[in-house]
Amino acid sequence: MPTWLVFILLMLPAVFPSSAIGYVLAIIWLTGLLGYIYFLANSLFLKLPLVHDLKIKRFRFNFFFVLVYSVFIIVFFKGGYVISQDNFKDYGWMLAIIIPAHLYTMFCVFYIIWFIAKCVATIENNKIVGFESYAGIFFLLWFFPVGIWWVHPKVKKIFAIDIDEA
């Protein structure tokens, strides 16, 4: 897909923020985004050079942890929760689970971004790379969706090599 179309699709739910259409678009968008991230990471992993230091099982575990945790929060907390100094007692013993799970989910999101960024840089350089080689990609993915303007063309180039060779 062209980069501009990917960007527009990623921004579509923002057009209808609090309507039924917006809610349906958000679910479709989230499903598409998670599918894209999973497909992208798996596809990049398959293109890595023979010598690399990335673990796809660790990526999958962290990815599915985020997925399961997000579904759990949506189902059991009706879309989310707000914990403050005024209401933390309302959550009681569940705070002992919520806080570590939420912190680990945040780690997982960073790990997913790191994994994709390192895959792209490793494929581009055809060797194991240090953080300095993929820090730009990492931060561009972190500042989603703006970073897509710069990262998506790199990903297209990586996969265009297969098309040109076929």
C-alpha atoms as a PDB file:
ATOM      1  CA  MET A   1       0.000   0.000   0.000  1.00  0.00           C
ATOM      2  CA  PRO A   2       1.142   3.559  -0.522  1.00  0.00           C
ATOM      3  CA  THR A   3       2.363   5.260   2.659  1.00  0.00           C
ATOM      4  CA  TRP A   4      -0.341   7.955   2.505  1.00  0.00           C
ATOM      5  CA  LEU A   5      -3.081   5.281   2.429  1.00  0.00           C
ATOM      6  CA  VAL A   6      -1.605   3.453   5.412  1.00  0.00           C
ATOM      7  CA  PHE A   7      -1.497   6.755   7.316  1.00  0.00           C
ATOM      8  CA  ILE A   8      -5.126   7.579   6.458  1.00  0.00           C
ATOM      9  CA  LEU A   9      -6.309   4.104   7.506  1.00  0.00           C
ATOM     10  CA  LEU A  10      -4.466   4.475  10.793  1.00  0.00           C
ATOM     11  CA  MET A  11      -6.109   7.845  11.453  1.00  0.00           C
ATOM     12  CA  LEU A  12      -9.653   6.904  10.369  1.00  0.00           C
ATOM     13  CA  PRO A  13     -11.092   6.182  13.850  1.00  0.00           C
ATOM     14  CA  ALA A  14     -10.178   9.713  14.950  1.00  0.00           C
ATOM     15  CA  VAL A  15     -12.721  11.118  12.457  1.00  0.00           C
ATOM     16  CA  PHE A  16     -15.665   9.576  14.366  1.00  0.00           C
ATOM     17  CA  PRO A  17     -14.378   9.652  17.957  1.00  0.00           C
ATOM     18  CA  SER A  18     -17.442   8.999  20.104  1.00  0.00           C
ATOM     19  CA  SER A  19     -20.149   7.570  17.903  1.00  0.00           C
ATOM     20  CA  ALA A  20     -21.290   4.039  17.142  1.00  0.00           C
ATOM     21  CA  ILE A  21     -19.488   4.279  13.800  1.00  0.00           C
ATOM     22  CA  GLY A  22     -16.352   5.368  15.637  1.00  0.00           C
ATOM     23  CA  TYR A  23     -16.589   2.429  18.039  1.00  0.00           C
ATOM     24  CA  VAL A  24     -16.983  -0.088  15.191  1.00  0.00           C
ATOM     25  CA  LEU A  25     -14.185   1.592  13.227  1.00  0.00           C
ATOM     26  CA  ALA A  26     -11.968   1.499  16.320  1.00  0.00           C
ATOM     27  CA  ILE A  27     -12.498  -2.248  16.740  1.00  0.00           C
ATOM     28  CA  ILE A  28     -11.833  -2.891  13.049  1.00  0.00           C
ATOM     29  CA  TRP A  29      -8.831  -0.571  13.172  1.00  0.00           C
ATOM     30  CA  LEU A  30      -7.374  -2.212  16.271  1.00  0.00           C
ATOM     31  CA  THR A  31      -7.844  -5.675  14.778  1.00  0.00           C
ATOM     32  CA  GLY A  32      -6.190  -4.565  11.543  1.00  0.00           C
ATOM     33  CA  LEU A  33      -3.352  -2.821  13.360  1.00  0.00           C
ATOM     34  CA  LEU A  34      -2.600  -5.811  15.573  1.00  0.00           C
ATOM     35  CA  GLY A  35      -2.781  -8.129  12.572  1.00  0.00           C
ATOM     36  CA  TYR A  36      -0.430  -5.847  10.646  1.00  0.00           C
ATOM     37  CA  ILE A  37       2.070  -5.721  13.525  1.00  0.00           C
ATOM     38  CA  TYR A  38       2.021  -9.493  13.964  1.00  0.00           C
ATOM     39  CA  PHE A  39       2.320 -10.159  10.222  1.00  0.00           C
ATOM     40  CA  LEU A  40       5.055  -7.547   9.844  1.00  0.00           C
ATOM     41  CA  ALA A  41       7.166  -8.924  12.693  1.00  0.00           C
ATOM     42  CA  ASN A  42       6.815 -12.531  11.503  1.00  0.00           C
ATOM     43  CA  SER A  43       7.575 -11.596   7.895  1.00  0.00           C
ATOM     44  CA  LEU A  44      10.604  -9.519   8.879  1.00  0.00           C
ATOM     45  CA  PHE A  45      11.854 -12.325  11.103  1.00  0.00           C
ATOM     46  CA  LEU A  46      11.771 -14.717   8.136  1.00  0.00           C
ATOM     47  CA  LYS A  47      13.894 -12.285   6.119  1.00  0.00           C
ATOM     48  CA  LEU A  48      16.620 -11.941   8.759  1.00  0.00           C
ATOM     49  CA  PRO A  49      20.140 -13.043   7.844  1.00  0.00           C
ATOM     50  CA  LEU A  50      21.191 -16.465   9.118  1.00  0.00           C
ATOM     51  CA  VAL A  51      23.137 -14.896  11.987  1.00  0.00           C
ATOM     52  CA  HIS A  52      20.909 -12.787  14.234  1.00  0.00           C
ATOM     53  CA  ASP A  53      20.049 -12.476  17.908  1.00  0.00           C
ATOM     54  CA  LEU A  54      16.266 -12.062  17.802  1.00  0.00           C
ATOM     55  CA  LYS A  55      13.805 -14.529  19.342  1.00  0.00           C
ATOM     56  CA  ILE A  56      10.413 -14.847  17.634  1.00  0.00           C
ATOM     57  CA  LYS A  57       8.929 -16.851  20.539  1.00  0.00           C
ATOM     58  CA  ARG A  58       9.645 -13.999  22.937  1.00  0.00           C
ATOM     59  CA  PHE A  59       8.039 -11.552  20.506  1.00  0.00           C
ATOM     60  CA  ARG A  60       4.953 -13.753  20.173  1.00  0.00           C
ATOM     61  CA  PHE A  61       4.605 -14.155  23.944  1.00  0.00           C
ATOM     62  CA  ASN A  62       4.812 -10.390  24.498  1.00  0.00           C
ATOM     63  CA  PHE A  63       2.466  -9.678  21.593  1.00  0.00           C
ATOM     64  CA  PHE A  64      -0.182 -12.093  22.855  1.00  0.00           C
ATOM     65  CA  PHE A  65       0.205 -10.836  26.423  1.00  0.00           C
ATOM     66  CA  VAL A  66      -0.724  -7.335  25.211  1.00  0.00           C
ATOM     67  CA  LEU A  67      -3.620  -8.769  23.220  1.00  0.00           C
ATOM     68  CA  VAL A  68      -5.013 -10.854  26.095  1.00  0.00           C
ATOM     69  CA  TYR A  69      -4.533  -8.074  28.643  1.00  0.00           C
ATOM     70  CA  SER A  70      -6.283  -5.556  26.378  1.00  0.00           C
ATOM     71  CA  VAL A  71      -9.245  -7.877  25.785  1.00  0.00           C
ATOM     72  CA  PHE A  72      -9.425  -8.583  29.533  1.00  0.00           C
ATOM     73  CA  ILE A  73      -9.556  -4.861  30.339  1.00  0.00           C
ATOM     74  CA  ILE A  74     -12.168  -4.195  27.645  1.00  0.00           C
ATOM     75  CA  VAL A  75     -14.393  -7.055  28.814  1.00  0.00           C
ATOM     76  CA  PHE A  76     -14.082  -6.853  32.607  1.00  0.00           C
ATOM     77  CA  PHE A  77     -13.625  -3.104  33.035  1.00  0.00           C
ATOM     78  CA  LYS A  78     -15.971  -1.972  30.245  1.00  0.00           C
ATOM     79  CA  GLY A  79     -13.242  -0.468  28.090  1.00  0.00           C
ATOM     80  CA  GLY A  80     -10.787   0.699  30.713  1.00  0.00           C
ATOM     81  CA  TYR A  81     -10.227   1.999  34.185  1.00  0.00           C
ATOM     82  CA  VAL A  82      -8.892   5.058  35.911  1.00  0.00           C
ATOM     83  CA  ILE A  83      -7.022   4.568  39.136  1.00  0.00           C
ATOM     84  CA  SER A  84      -6.330   7.682  41.190  1.00  0.00           C
ATOM     85  CA  GLN A  85      -5.601   8.564  44.767  1.00  0.00           C
ATOM     86  CA  ASP A  86      -9.317   9.168  45.217  1.00  0.00           C
ATOM     87  CA  ASN A  87     -10.576   5.776  44.026  1.00  0.00           C
ATOM     88  CA  PHE A  88      -7.733   3.278  44.434  1.00  0.00           C
ATOM     89  CA  LYS A  89      -9.457   1.654  47.423  1.00  0.00           C
ATOM     90  CA  ASP A  90     -12.382   0.697  45.163  1.00  0.00           C
ATOM     91  CA  TYR A  91     -10.104  -1.762  43.329  1.00  0.00           C
ATOM     92  CA  GLY A  92      -8.888  -3.469  46.515  1.00  0.00           C
ATOM     93  CA  TRP A  93      -6.813  -6.623  46.037  1.00  0.00           C
ATOM     94  CA  MET A  94      -7.084  -6.324  42.237  1.00  0.00           C
ATOM     95  CA  LEU A  95      -4.468  -3.547  42.328  1.00  0.00           C
ATOM     96  CA  ALA A  96      -1.877  -6.205  43.169  1.00  0.00           C
ATOM     97  CA  ILE A  97      -2.635  -7.748  39.758  1.00  0.00           C
ATOM     98  CA  ILE A  98      -3.546  -4.663  37.711  1.00  0.00           C
ATOM     99  CA  ILE A  99      -0.428  -2.596  38.395  1.00  0.00           C
ATOM    100  CA  PRO A 100       2.193  -5.287  37.598  1.00  0.00           C
ATOM    101  CA  ALA A 101       0.165  -6.488  34.585  1.00  0.00           C
ATOM    102  CA  HIS A 102      -0.131  -2.937  33.295  1.00  0.00           C
ATOM    103  CA  LEU A 103       3.589  -2.278  33.779  1.00  0.00           C
ATOM    104  CA  TYR A 104       4.471  -5.534  32.018  1.00  0.00           C
ATOM    105  CA  THR A 105       2.107  -4.617  29.177  1.00  0.00           C
ATOM    106  CA  MET A 106       3.950  -1.320  28.788  1.00  0.00           C
ATOM    107  CA  PHE A 107       7.232  -3.248  28.628  1.00  0.00           C
ATOM    108  CA  CYS A 108       5.707  -5.569  25.997  1.00  0.00           C
ATOM    109  CA  VAL A 109       4.705  -2.635  23.798  1.00  0.00           C
ATOM    110  CA  PHE A 110       8.261  -1.307  23.908  1.00  0.00           C
ATOM    111  CA  TYR A 111       9.593  -4.791  23.208  1.00  0.00           C
ATOM    112  CA  ILE A 112       7.340  -5.142  20.150  1.00  0.00           C
ATOM    113  CA  ILE A 113       8.527  -1.770  18.816  1.00  0.00           C
ATOM    114  CA  TRP A 114      12.154  -2.709  19.565  1.00  0.00           C
ATOM    115  CA  PHE A 115      11.790  -6.093  17.835  1.00  0.00           C
ATOM    116  CA  ILE A 116      10.408  -4.610  14.616  1.00  0.00           C
ATOM    117  CA  ALA A 117      12.971  -1.785  14.585  1.00  0.00           C
ATOM    118  CA  LYS A 118      15.848  -4.200  15.127  1.00  0.00           C
ATOM    119  CA  CYS A 119      14.521  -6.556  12.425  1.00  0.00           C
ATOM    120  CA  VAL A 120      14.412  -3.724   9.893  1.00  0.00           C
ATOM    121  CA  ALA A 121      17.938  -2.524  10.745  1.00  0.00           C
ATOM    122  CA  THR A 122      19.368  -6.060  10.802  1.00  0.00           C
ATOM    123  CA  ILE A 123      17.906  -6.807   7.369  1.00  0.00           C
ATOM    124  CA  GLU A 124      19.103  -3.487   5.944  1.00  0.00           C
ATOM    125  CA  ASN A 125      22.656  -3.985   7.266  1.00  0.00           C
ATOM    126  CA  ASN A 126      22.693  -7.777   6.812  1.00  0.00           C
ATOM    127  CA  LYS A 127      24.339  -8.236  10.224  1.00  0.00           C
ATOM    128  CA  ILE A 128      23.604  -7.997  13.951  1.00  0.00           C
ATOM    129  CA  VAL A 129      23.270  -4.311  14.823  1.00  0.00           C
ATOM    130  CA  GLY A 130      23.444  -2.245  17.988  1.00  0.00           C
ATOM    131  CA  PHE A 131      20.815   0.185  19.228  1.00  0.00           C
ATOM    132  CA  GLU A 132      22.560   3.113  17.546  1.00  0.00           C
ATOM    133  CA  SER A 133      21.750   1.502  14.185  1.00  0.00           C
ATOM    134  CA  TYR A 134      18.010   1.250  14.775  1.00  0.00           C
ATOM    135  CA  ALA A 135      17.306   3.952  17.371  1.00  0.00           C
ATOM    136  CA  GLY A 136      15.775   6.179  14.691  1.00  0.00           C
ATOM    137  CA  ILE A 137      13.409   3.455  13.534  1.00  0.00           C
ATOM    138  CA  PHE A 138      12.542   2.635  17.155  1.00  0.00           C
ATOM    139  CA  PHE A 139      11.574   6.231  17.977  1.00  0.00           C
ATOM    140  CA  LEU A 140       9.703   6.671  14.705  1.00  0.00           C
ATOM    141  CA  LEU A 141       7.597   3.587  15.506  1.00  0.00           C
ATOM    142  CA  TRP A 142       7.140   4.833  19.060  1.00  0.00           C
ATOM    143  CA  PHE A 143       5.701   8.132  17.788  1.00  0.00           C
ATOM    144  CA  PHE A 144       3.005   6.297  15.921  1.00  0.00           C
ATOM    145  CA  PRO A 145       1.391   7.062  13.459  1.00  0.00           C
ATOM    146  CA  VAL A 146       3.655   9.942  12.337  1.00  0.00           C
ATOM    147  CA  GLY A 147       6.685   7.632  12.142  1.00  0.00           C
ATOM    148  CA  ILE A 148       4.894   5.482   9.574  1.00  0.00           C
ATOM    149  CA  TRP A 149       5.770   8.121   6.955  1.00  0.00           C
ATOM    150  CA  TRP A 150       9.448   7.166   7.321  1.00  0.00           C
ATOM    151  CA  VAL A 151       9.330   3.500   8.347  1.00  0.00           C
ATOM    152  CA  HIS A 152       6.745   2.199   5.865  1.00  0.00           C
ATOM    153  CA  PRO A 153       8.899   2.982   2.795  1.00  0.00           C
ATOM    154  CA  LYS A 154      11.795   1.032   4.378  1.00  0.00           C
ATOM    155  CA  VAL A 155       9.509  -1.952   4.946  1.00  0.00           C
ATOM    156  CA  LYS A 156       8.177  -1.710   1.390  1.00  0.00           C
ATOM    157  CA  LYS A 157      11.758  -1.687   0.100  1.00  0.00           C
ATOM    158  CA  ILE A 158      12.624  -4.807   2.116  1.00  0.00           C
ATOM    159  CA  PHE A 159       9.690  -6.732   0.703  1.00  0.00           C
ATOM    160  CA  ALA A 160      10.103  -5.313  -2.821  1.00  0.00           C
ATOM    161  CA  ILE A 161      13.399  -7.211  -3.066  1.00  0.00           C
ATOM    162  CA  ASP A 162      11.470 -10.516  -3.042  1.00  0.00           C
ATOM    163  CA  ILE A 163       9.075  -9.259  -5.726  1.00  0.00           C
ATOM    164  CA  ASP A 164      11.952  -8.119  -7.955  1.00  0.00           C
ATOM    165  CA  GLU A 165      13.760 -11.475  -7.586  1.00  0.00           C
ATOM    166  CA  ALA A 166      10.655 -13.544  -8.438  1.00  0.00           C
END
